[in-house]
C-alpha atoms as a PDB file:
ATOM      1  CA  UNK A   1      -7.967  27.764  32.947  1.00  0.00           C
ATOM      2  CA  UNK A   2     -11.583  27.901  34.140  1.00  0.00           C
ATOM      3  CA  UNK A   3     -13.136  25.107  33.059  1.00  0.00           C
ATOM      4  CA  UNK A   4     -16.931  26.241  33.591  1.00  0.00           C
ATOM      5  CA  UNK A   5     -16.404  29.159  31.059  1.00  0.00           C
ATOM      6  CA  UNK A   6     -15.352  26.378  28.392  1.00  0.00           C
ATOM      7  CA  UNK A   7     -17.805  24.111  29.087  1.00  0.00           C
ATOM      8  CA  UNK A   8     -20.548  26.952  28.583  1.00  0.00           C
ATOM      9  CA  UNK A   9     -17.972  27.755  25.095  1.00  0.00           C
ATOM     10  CA  UNK A  10     -18.911  24.149  24.160  1.00  0.00           C
ATOM     11  CA  UNK A  11     -22.336  24.003  25.084  1.00  0.00           C
ATOM     12  CA  UNK A  12     -23.056  27.356  22.935  1.00  0.00           C
ATOM     13  CA  UNK A  13     -21.369  26.126  19.815  1.00  0.00           C
ATOM     14  CA  UNK A  14     -23.124  23.123  19.872  1.00  0.00           C
ATOM     15  CA  UNK A  15     -26.404  24.530  20.495  1.00  0.00           C
ATOM     16  CA  UNK A  16     -25.549  26.906  17.519  1.00  0.00           C
ATOM     17  CA  UNK A  17     -24.785  23.320  15.455  1.00  0.00           C
ATOM     18  CA  UNK A  18     -27.665  21.979  16.204  1.00  0.00           C
ATOM     19  CA  UNK A  19     -29.825  25.145  14.751  1.00  0.00           C
ATOM     20  CA  UNK A  20     -28.230  25.277  11.631  1.00  0.00           C
ATOM     21  CA  UNK A  21     -29.237  23.818   8.927  1.00  0.00           C
ATOM     22  CA  UNK A  22     -25.864  25.066   6.504  1.00  0.00           C
ATOM     23  CA  UNK A  23     -23.792  23.194   8.985  1.00  0.00           C
ATOM     24  CA  UNK A  24     -26.235  19.911  10.331  1.00  0.00           C
ATOM     25  CA  UNK A  25     -27.387  18.911   6.774  1.00  0.00           C
ATOM     26  CA  UNK A  26     -23.595  18.023   5.801  1.00  0.00           C
ATOM     27  CA  UNK A  27     -23.427  16.823   9.314  1.00  0.00           C
ATOM     28  CA  UNK A  28     -25.972  14.023   8.924  1.00  0.00           C
ATOM     29  CA  UNK A  29     -26.042  13.483   5.293  1.00  0.00           C
ATOM     30  CA  UNK A  30     -22.708  12.893   3.861  1.00  0.00           C
ATOM     31  CA  UNK A  31     -21.682  10.161   6.998  1.00  0.00           C
ATOM     32  CA  UNK A  32     -25.151   8.422   6.085  1.00  0.00           C
ATOM     33  CA  UNK A  33     -23.687   7.826   2.115  1.00  0.00           C
ATOM     34  CA  UNK A  34     -19.818   7.162   3.322  1.00  0.00           C
ATOM     35  CA  UNK A  35     -20.511   4.903   6.324  1.00  0.00           C
ATOM     36  CA  UNK A  36     -24.061   3.377   5.208  1.00  0.00           C
ATOM     37  CA  UNK A  37     -24.813   2.955   1.258  1.00  0.00           C
ATOM     38  CA  UNK A  38     -21.734   2.532   0.137  1.00  0.00           C
ATOM     39  CA  UNK A  39     -20.347  -0.257   2.184  1.00  0.00           C
ATOM     40  CA  UNK A  40     -23.925  -1.903   1.859  1.00  0.00           C
ATOM     41  CA  UNK A  41     -24.481  -1.372  -2.021  1.00  0.00           C
ATOM     42  CA  UNK A  42     -20.201  -2.695  -1.816  1.00  0.00           C
ATOM     43  CA  UNK A  43     -21.176  -6.170   0.138  1.00  0.00           C
ATOM     44  CA  UNK A  44     -24.415  -6.747  -1.983  1.00  0.00           C
ATOM     45  CA  UNK A  45     -23.654  -5.393  -5.709  1.00  0.00           C
ATOM     46  CA  UNK A  46     -19.960  -6.982  -6.153  1.00  0.00           C
ATOM     47  CA  UNK A  47     -20.646 -10.360  -6.396  1.00  0.00           C
ATOM     48  CA  UNK A  48     -23.085  -9.253  -9.480  1.00  0.00           C
ATOM     49  CA  UNK A  49     -20.645  -7.145 -11.069  1.00  0.00           C
ATOM     50  CA  UNK A  50     -18.036  -9.848 -10.735  1.00  0.00           C
ATOM     51  CA  UNK A  51     -20.234 -11.755 -12.882  1.00  0.00           C
ATOM     52  CA  UNK A  52     -20.842  -9.198 -15.218  1.00  0.00           C
ATOM     53  CA  UNK A  53     -19.642  -9.426 -18.943  1.00  0.00           C
ATOM     54  CA  UNK A  54     -16.973  -6.995 -19.781  1.00  0.00           C
ATOM     55  CA  UNK A  55     -16.607  -5.609 -16.045  1.00  0.00           C
ATOM     56  CA  UNK A  56     -13.384  -5.210 -14.988  1.00  0.00           C
ATOM     57  CA  UNK A  57     -11.865  -4.400 -11.150  1.00  0.00           C
ATOM     58  CA  UNK A  58      -8.750  -2.483 -12.276  1.00  0.00           C
ATOM     59  CA  UNK A  59      -7.591  -0.215  -9.604  1.00  0.00           C
ATOM     60  CA  UNK A  60      -8.561  -3.289  -7.252  1.00  0.00           C
ATOM     61  CA  UNK A  61      -6.722  -5.610  -9.075  1.00  0.00           C
ATOM     62  CA  UNK A  62      -3.632  -3.516  -9.239  1.00  0.00           C
ATOM     63  CA  UNK A  63      -4.330  -2.542  -5.498  1.00  0.00           C
ATOM     64  CA  UNK A  64      -4.210  -6.378  -4.953  1.00  0.00           C
ATOM     65  CA  UNK A  65      -1.308  -7.592  -6.794  1.00  0.00           C
ATOM     66  CA  UNK A  66       0.815  -5.243  -5.197  1.00  0.00           C
ATOM     67  CA  UNK A  67      -0.269  -5.151  -1.290  1.00  0.00           C
ATOM     68  CA  UNK A  68       2.258  -6.157   0.890  1.00  0.00           C
ATOM     69  CA  UNK A  69       2.607 -10.151   1.803  1.00  0.00           C
ATOM     70  CA  UNK A  70       1.815  -8.819   5.836  1.00  0.00           C
ATOM     71  CA  UNK A  71      -1.884  -7.707   3.843  1.00  0.00           C
ATOM     72  CA  UNK A  72      -2.305 -10.472   1.922  1.00  0.00           C
ATOM     73  CA  UNK A  73      -2.016 -12.950   4.608  1.00  0.00           C
ATOM     74  CA  UNK A  74      -5.605 -11.809   5.965  1.00  0.00           C
ATOM     75  CA  UNK A  75      -6.991 -12.806   2.330  1.00  0.00           C
ATOM     76  CA  UNK A  76      -5.410 -16.542   2.561  1.00  0.00           C
ATOM     77  CA  UNK A  77      -8.566 -19.153   1.968  1.00  0.00           C
ATOM     78  CA  UNK A  78     -10.976 -16.292   0.184  1.00  0.00           C
ATOM     79  CA  UNK A  79     -12.374 -16.903  -3.221  1.00  0.00           C
ATOM     80  CA  UNK A  80     -12.194 -13.836  -5.824  1.00  0.00           C
ATOM     81  CA  UNK A  81     -15.449 -12.019  -4.805  1.00  0.00           C
ATOM     82  CA  UNK A  82     -14.477 -12.503  -1.163  1.00  0.00           C
ATOM     83  CA  UNK A  83     -11.428 -11.110  -1.644  1.00  0.00           C
ATOM     84  CA  UNK A  84     -12.416  -7.827  -4.244  1.00  0.00           C
ATOM     85  CA  UNK A  85     -14.655  -7.144  -1.287  1.00  0.00           C
ATOM     86  CA  UNK A  86     -12.303  -7.923   2.186  1.00  0.00           C
ATOM     87  CA  UNK A  87      -9.951  -5.408   0.483  1.00  0.00           C
ATOM     88  CA  UNK A  88     -12.206  -2.695  -0.752  1.00  0.00           C
ATOM     89  CA  UNK A  89     -14.139  -2.421   2.448  1.00  0.00           C
ATOM     90  CA  UNK A  90     -11.584  -3.251   4.863  1.00  0.00           C
ATOM     91  CA  UNK A  91      -8.646  -1.415   3.232  1.00  0.00           C
ATOM     92  CA  UNK A  92      -9.081   0.319  -0.448  1.00  0.00           C
ATOM     93  CA  UNK A  93     -11.635   2.629   1.755  1.00  0.00           C
ATOM     94  CA  UNK A  94     -10.248   3.641   4.323  1.00  0.00           C
ATOM     95  CA  UNK A  95      -8.541   7.257   3.864  1.00  0.00           C
ATOM     96  CA  UNK A  96     -11.998   7.515   2.593  1.00  0.00           C
ATOM     97  CA  UNK A  97     -13.275   6.841   6.451  1.00  0.00           C
ATOM     98  CA  UNK A  98     -10.998   9.515   7.355  1.00  0.00           C
ATOM     99  CA  UNK A  99     -12.650  12.568   5.603  1.00  0.00           C
ATOM    100  CA  UNK A 100     -15.600  12.429   7.806  1.00  0.00           C
ATOM    101  CA  UNK A 101     -13.944  13.398  11.331  1.00  0.00           C
ATOM    102  CA  UNK A 102     -11.958  15.965   9.207  1.00  0.00           C
ATOM    103  CA  UNK A 103     -15.211  17.031   7.262  1.00  0.00           C
ATOM    104  CA  UNK A 104     -17.178  17.831  10.643  1.00  0.00           C
ATOM    105  CA  UNK A 105     -14.776  19.283  12.554  1.00  0.00           C
ATOM    106  CA  UNK A 106     -13.855  21.723   9.453  1.00  0.00           C
ATOM    107  CA  UNK A 107     -18.014  22.483   9.141  1.00  0.00           C
ATOM    108  CA  UNK A 108     -18.028  23.167  12.944  1.00  0.00           C
ATOM    109  CA  UNK A 109     -14.708  24.743  13.285  1.00  0.00           C
ATOM    110  CA  UNK A 110     -15.558  27.346  10.436  1.00  0.00           C
ATOM    111  CA  UNK A 111     -18.793  28.244  12.095  1.00  0.00           C
ATOM    112  CA  UNK A 112     -17.056  28.988  15.100  1.00  0.00           C
ATOM    113  CA  UNK A 113     -16.041  32.216  14.516  1.00  0.00           C
ATOM    114  CA  UNK A 114     -16.880  33.036  10.657  1.00  0.00           C
ATOM    115  CA  UNK A 115     -20.581  31.818  11.438  1.00  0.00           C
ATOM    116  CA  UNK A 116     -20.875  34.253  14.399  1.00  0.00           C
ATOM    117  CA  UNK A 117     -19.717  37.204  12.435  1.00  0.00           C
ATOM    118  CA  UNK A 118     -22.213  36.104  10.333  1.00  0.00           C
ATOM    119  CA  UNK A 119     -24.943  36.173  12.703  1.00  0.00           C
ATOM    120  CA  UNK A 120     -24.005  39.084  14.732  1.00  0.00           C
ATOM    121  CA  UNK A 121     -23.158  37.055  17.814  1.00  0.00           C
ATOM    122  CA  UNK A 122     -19.050  37.017  18.114  1.00  0.00           C
ATOM    123  CA  UNK A 123     -19.077  40.518  19.476  1.00  0.00           C
ATOM    124  CA  UNK A 124     -20.596  39.322  22.771  1.00  0.00           C
ATOM    125  CA  UNK A 125     -18.614  36.303  23.584  1.00  0.00           C
ATOM    126  CA  UNK A 126     -15.276  37.909  22.737  1.00  0.00           C
ATOM    127  CA  UNK A 127     -16.504  40.592  26.038  1.00  0.00           C
ATOM    128  CA  UNK A 128     -17.445  37.784  27.852  1.00  0.00           C
ATOM    129  CA  UNK A 129     -14.718  37.784  31.024  1.00  0.00           C
ATOM    130  CA  UNK A 130     -12.960  34.475  29.292  1.00  0.00           C
ATOM    131  CA  UNK A 131      -8.954  34.547  28.264  1.00  0.00           C
ATOM    132  CA  UNK A 132      -8.182  33.801  25.352  1.00  0.00           C
ATOM    133  CA  UNK A 133      -6.919  30.389  26.219  1.00  0.00           C
ATOM    134  CA  UNK A 134     -10.108  29.405  27.536  1.00  0.00           C
ATOM    135  CA  UNK A 135     -11.670  30.877  24.440  1.00  0.00           C
ATOM    136  CA  UNK A 136     -10.023  28.895  22.218  1.00  0.00           C
ATOM    137  CA  UNK A 137      -9.910  25.920  23.971  1.00  0.00           C
ATOM    138  CA  UNK A 138     -13.880  26.193  23.857  1.00  0.00           C
ATOM    139  CA  UNK A 139     -13.875  26.910  20.205  1.00  0.00           C
ATOM    140  CA  UNK A 140     -11.719  23.501  19.936  1.00  0.00           C
ATOM    141  CA  UNK A 141     -13.781  21.351  22.074  1.00  0.00           C
ATOM    142  CA  UNK A 142     -17.084  22.005  20.621  1.00  0.00           C
ATOM    143  CA  UNK A 143     -15.541  21.036  16.819  1.00  0.00           C
ATOM    144  CA  UNK A 144     -13.556  18.169  18.003  1.00  0.00           C
ATOM    145  CA  UNK A 145     -15.963  16.260  20.698  1.00  0.00           C
ATOM    146  CA  UNK A 146     -18.380  16.126  17.493  1.00  0.00           C
ATOM    147  CA  UNK A 147     -16.208  15.194  15.006  1.00  0.00           C
ATOM    148  CA  UNK A 148     -14.861  12.009  17.013  1.00  0.00           C
ATOM    149  CA  UNK A 149     -18.404  11.222  18.208  1.00  0.00           C
ATOM    150  CA  UNK A 150     -19.349  11.184  14.076  1.00  0.00           C
ATOM    151  CA  UNK A 151     -16.703   9.173  13.958  1.00  0.00           C
ATOM    152  CA  UNK A 152     -17.147   6.563  16.674  1.00  0.00           C
ATOM    153  CA  UNK A 153     -20.460   6.039  15.536  1.00  0.00           C
ATOM    154  CA  UNK A 154     -19.915   5.975  11.477  1.00  0.00           C
ATOM    155  CA  UNK A 155     -17.270   3.474  12.228  1.00  0.00           C
ATOM    156  CA  UNK A 156     -20.398   1.131  14.161  1.00  0.00           C
ATOM    157  CA  UNK A 157     -22.737   1.800  11.515  1.00  0.00           C
ATOM    158  CA  UNK A 158     -19.944   0.991   8.979  1.00  0.00           C
ATOM    159  CA  UNK A 159     -19.227  -2.173  10.288  1.00  0.00           C
ATOM    160  CA  UNK A 160     -22.895  -2.902  10.479  1.00  0.00           C
ATOM    161  CA  UNK A 161     -23.638  -1.638   6.769  1.00  0.00           C
ATOM    162  CA  UNK A 162     -20.676  -3.994   5.905  1.00  0.00           C
ATOM    163  CA  UNK A 163     -20.722  -7.299   7.773  1.00  0.00           C
ATOM    164  CA  UNK A 164     -24.499  -7.046   6.906  1.00  0.00           C
ATOM    165  CA  UNK A 165     -24.299  -5.940   3.213  1.00  0.00           C
ATOM    166  CA  UNK A 166     -21.679  -9.008   2.542  1.00  0.00           C
ATOM    167  CA  UNK A 167     -23.258 -11.543   4.905  1.00  0.00           C
ATOM    168  CA  UNK A 168     -24.371 -13.545   1.656  1.00  0.00           C
ATOM    169  CA  UNK A 169     -20.831 -13.822   0.293  1.00  0.00           C
ATOM    170  CA  UNK A 170     -18.282 -14.208   3.824  1.00  0.00           C
ATOM    171  CA  UNK A 171     -21.152 -16.112   5.474  1.00  0.00           C
ATOM    172  CA  UNK A 172     -19.356 -14.714   8.717  1.00  0.00           C
ATOM    173  CA  UNK A 173     -18.252 -10.858  10.116  1.00  0.00           C
ATOM    174  CA  UNK A 174     -15.115 -10.065   8.984  1.00  0.00           C
ATOM    175  CA  UNK A 175     -14.882  -6.132   9.563  1.00  0.00           C
ATOM    176  CA  UNK A 176     -13.354  -5.139  11.856  1.00  0.00           C
ATOM    177  CA  UNK A 177      -9.800  -5.829  11.747  1.00  0.00           C
ATOM    178  CA  UNK A 178      -6.773  -4.348  14.414  1.00  0.00           C
ATOM    179  CA  UNK A 179      -5.608  -1.920  11.878  1.00  0.00           C
ATOM    180  CA  UNK A 180      -9.260  -0.123  12.083  1.00  0.00           C
ATOM    181  CA  UNK A 181      -9.697  -0.527  15.838  1.00  0.00           C
ATOM    182  CA  UNK A 182      -5.913   1.557  14.887  1.00  0.00           C
ATOM    183  CA  UNK A 183      -7.308   4.137  12.652  1.00  0.00           C
ATOM    184  CA  UNK A 184     -10.374   5.211  14.526  1.00  0.00           C
ATOM    185  CA  UNK A 185      -9.040   5.347  17.992  1.00  0.00           C
ATOM    186  CA  UNK A 186      -5.726   6.747  16.873  1.00  0.00           C
ATOM    187  CA  UNK A 187      -5.570   8.356  13.844  1.00  0.00           C
ATOM    188  CA  UNK A 188      -9.523   9.795  13.717  1.00  0.00           C
ATOM    189  CA  UNK A 189      -9.559  11.958  16.327  1.00  0.00           C
ATOM    190  CA  UNK A 190      -5.945  13.611  15.003  1.00  0.00           C
ATOM    191  CA  UNK A 191      -7.624  13.967  11.832  1.00  0.00           C
ATOM    192  CA  UNK A 192     -10.479  15.808  13.294  1.00  0.00           C
ATOM    193  CA  UNK A 193      -7.314  17.858  14.692  1.00  0.00           C
ATOM    194  CA  UNK A 194      -5.951  18.823  11.730  1.00  0.00           C
ATOM    195  CA  UNK A 195      -9.747  19.851  10.706  1.00  0.00           C
ATOM    196  CA  UNK A 196     -10.889  21.802  13.289  1.00  0.00           C
ATOM    197  CA  UNK A 197      -6.903  23.284  13.848  1.00  0.00           C
ATOM    198  CA  UNK A 198      -6.842  25.191  10.471  1.00  0.00           C
ATOM    199  CA  UNK A 199     -10.260  25.853  10.042  1.00  0.00           C
ATOM    200  CA  UNK A 200     -10.387  28.211  13.310  1.00  0.00           C
ATOM    201  CA  UNK A 201      -7.014  29.617  11.793  1.00  0.00           C
ATOM    202  CA  UNK A 202      -9.192  30.628   8.926  1.00  0.00           C
ATOM    203  CA  UNK A 203     -12.507  31.209  10.247  1.00  0.00           C
ATOM    204  CA  UNK A 204     -11.029  33.501  13.204  1.00  0.00           C
ATOM    205  CA  UNK A 205      -9.710  36.317   9.691  1.00  0.00           C
ATOM    206  CA  UNK A 206     -12.952  35.093   7.756  1.00  0.00           C
ATOM    207  CA  UNK A 207     -15.842  36.934   7.510  1.00  0.00           C
ATOM    208  CA  UNK A 208     -18.646  34.211   6.175  1.00  0.00           C
ATOM    209  CA  UNK A 209     -19.141  30.840   7.050  1.00  0.00           C
ATOM    210  CA  UNK A 210     -18.978  30.490   3.369  1.00  0.00           C
ATOM    211  CA  UNK A 211     -15.613  31.956   3.236  1.00  0.00           C
ATOM    212  CA  UNK A 212     -13.880  30.292   5.713  1.00  0.00           C
ATOM    213  CA  UNK A 213     -15.123  26.975   4.336  1.00  0.00           C
ATOM    214  CA  UNK A 214     -13.660  27.353   1.228  1.00  0.00           C
ATOM    215  CA  UNK A 215     -10.336  28.710   1.969  1.00  0.00           C
ATOM    216  CA  UNK A 216      -9.862  26.223   4.378  1.00  0.00           C
ATOM    217  CA  UNK A 217     -11.432  23.086   2.184  1.00  0.00           C
ATOM    218  CA  UNK A 218      -7.863  22.765   0.945  1.00  0.00           C
ATOM    219  CA  UNK A 219      -7.045  20.414   4.636  1.00  0.00           C
ATOM    220  CA  UNK A 220      -8.542  17.393   2.638  1.00  0.00           C
ATOM    221  CA  UNK A 221      -6.264  17.408   0.102  1.00  0.00           C
ATOM    222  CA  UNK A 222      -4.188  15.127   1.884  1.00  0.00           C
ATOM    223  CA  UNK A 223      -5.844  12.688   2.748  1.00  0.00           C
ATOM    224  CA  UNK A 224      -7.571  12.429  -1.105  1.00  0.00           C
ATOM    225  CA  UNK A 225      -3.592  12.293  -1.933  1.00  0.00           C
ATOM    226  CA  UNK A 226      -3.733   9.526   0.446  1.00  0.00           C
ATOM    227  CA  UNK A 227      -6.587   8.198  -1.110  1.00  0.00           C
ATOM    228  CA  UNK A 228      -4.642   8.276  -4.632  1.00  0.00           C
ATOM    229  CA  UNK A 229      -1.588   7.022  -3.642  1.00  0.00           C
ATOM    230  CA  UNK A 230      -3.286   3.411  -1.790  1.00  0.00           C
ATOM    231  CA  UNK A 231      -5.292   3.102  -5.232  1.00  0.00           C
ATOM    232  CA  UNK A 232      -2.162   3.460  -7.131  1.00  0.00           C
ATOM    233  CA  UNK A 233      -0.057   0.904  -4.961  1.00  0.00           C
ATOM    234  CA  UNK A 234       2.379   3.625  -3.418  1.00  0.00           C
ATOM    235  CA  UNK A 235       1.489   3.048   0.018  1.00  0.00           C
ATOM    236  CA  UNK A 236      -0.761   1.003   2.079  1.00  0.00           C
ATOM    237  CA  UNK A 237      -2.452   1.372   5.381  1.00  0.00           C
ATOM    238  CA  UNK A 238      -1.723  -1.635   7.058  1.00  0.00           C
ATOM    239  CA  UNK A 239      -0.834  -1.625  10.806  1.00  0.00           C
ATOM    240  CA  UNK A 240       2.229   0.146  11.361  1.00  0.00           C
ATOM    241  CA  UNK A 241       1.287   2.474   8.437  1.00  0.00           C
ATOM    242  CA  UNK A 242      -1.680   4.052  10.558  1.00  0.00           C
ATOM    243  CA  UNK A 243       0.289   3.849  13.420  1.00  0.00           C
ATOM    244  CA  UNK A 244       2.873   6.596  11.723  1.00  0.00           C
ATOM    245  CA  UNK A 245       0.271   8.308  10.199  1.00  0.00           C
ATOM    246  CA  UNK A 246      -1.878   9.246  13.291  1.00  0.00           C
ATOM    247  CA  UNK A 247       1.690  10.547  14.969  1.00  0.00           C
ATOM    248  CA  UNK A 248       2.100  12.652  12.142  1.00  0.00           C
ATOM    249  CA  UNK A 249      -0.960  14.060  12.107  1.00  0.00           C
ATOM    250  CA  UNK A 250      -0.956  14.361  16.083  1.00  0.00           C
ATOM    251  CA  UNK A 251       2.336  16.280  15.677  1.00  0.00           C
ATOM    252  CA  UNK A 252       0.796  18.496  12.885  1.00  0.00           C
ATOM    253  CA  UNK A 253      -1.923  18.788  15.607  1.00  0.00           C
ATOM    254  CA  UNK A 254       0.090  20.255  17.520  1.00  0.00           C
ATOM    255  CA  UNK A 255       1.988  22.732  16.122  1.00  0.00           C
ATOM    256  CA  UNK A 256      -1.518  24.190  14.102  1.00  0.00           C
ATOM    257  CA  UNK A 257      -2.795  24.684  17.940  1.00  0.00           C
ATOM    258  CA  UNK A 258       0.271  26.255  19.178  1.00  0.00           C
ATOM    259  CA  UNK A 259       0.177  28.809  16.140  1.00  0.00           C
ATOM    260  CA  UNK A 260      -3.677  29.988  16.695  1.00  0.00           C
ATOM    261  CA  UNK A 261      -3.102  30.407  20.548  1.00  0.00           C
ATOM    262  CA  UNK A 262      -0.436  32.374  19.906  1.00  0.00           C
ATOM    263  CA  UNK A 263      -2.097  34.234  16.775  1.00  0.00           C
ATOM    264  CA  UNK A 264      -5.142  35.002  18.388  1.00  0.00           C
ATOM    265  CA  UNK A 265      -5.844  38.208  19.035  1.00  0.00           C
ATOM    266  CA  UNK A 266      -9.221  40.117  20.725  1.00  0.00           C
ATOM    267  CA  UNK A 267      -8.659  43.035  19.627  1.00  0.00           C
ATOM    268  CA  UNK A 268      -7.440  42.273  15.837  1.00  0.00           C
ATOM    269  CA  UNK A 269     -10.940  39.946  15.779  1.00  0.00           C
ATOM    270  CA  UNK A 270     -12.902  43.300  17.428  1.00  0.00           C
ATOM    271  CA  UNK A 271     -11.719  45.252  14.669  1.00  0.00           C
ATOM    272  CA  UNK A 272     -12.717  42.832  11.313  1.00  0.00           C
ATOM    273  CA  UNK A 273     -16.183  43.202  13.408  1.00  0.00           C
END
């Protein structure tokens, strides 16, 4: 493959993202809310909520009662409020973090083909002297690299917000633990791959950015199911589970990318212009 051609496609797409408010705003606003405001609010408000009359922590209580012994060992020596903060910010919240790379990759990938159809810029790209594989690789990297960057920056911001917000209760740095390190380095890139690989398949056939994003939005359902499963105590994202989850997502990514490369046809795309 021609690395220079792939880099040119990536630069071109990233420039387009930086100029598109419809793509850029979700990439800024959603991480800000999820990775800064929520952990900061939990750390500051959890002690107040725990002491408020009539307030119960139903879901978190169920979560704690059914937590495996290996995970409860990390909560030994903590008082009730400290336990709730660690359980929420370290474990209960972990699946929500995966929405971040998934969402960013999905938004950019939805714009990769469908957005260019709207802007009438896809035809010029199709006729460039690049192979189908180079074109697909460039499109994939242009969505995966920003998603990975946002996931890492978001993780750092989340860690700062969580430790600062809960410092008055915890009195020490309690985040991250080993599970989160694996989640960021192993699972988050795979979650981004899931978003972009499925969305590129959809956006190559959709006519508008909104159409592609709405159709491909179902890819978030597995993460939602993971959040619900953990809330109900069906499964827990401990270290072993996170390693397994990453392996499953990488396997799905490989299949979807293989399908994307095999089904990509310039002639079909040109016919749809």
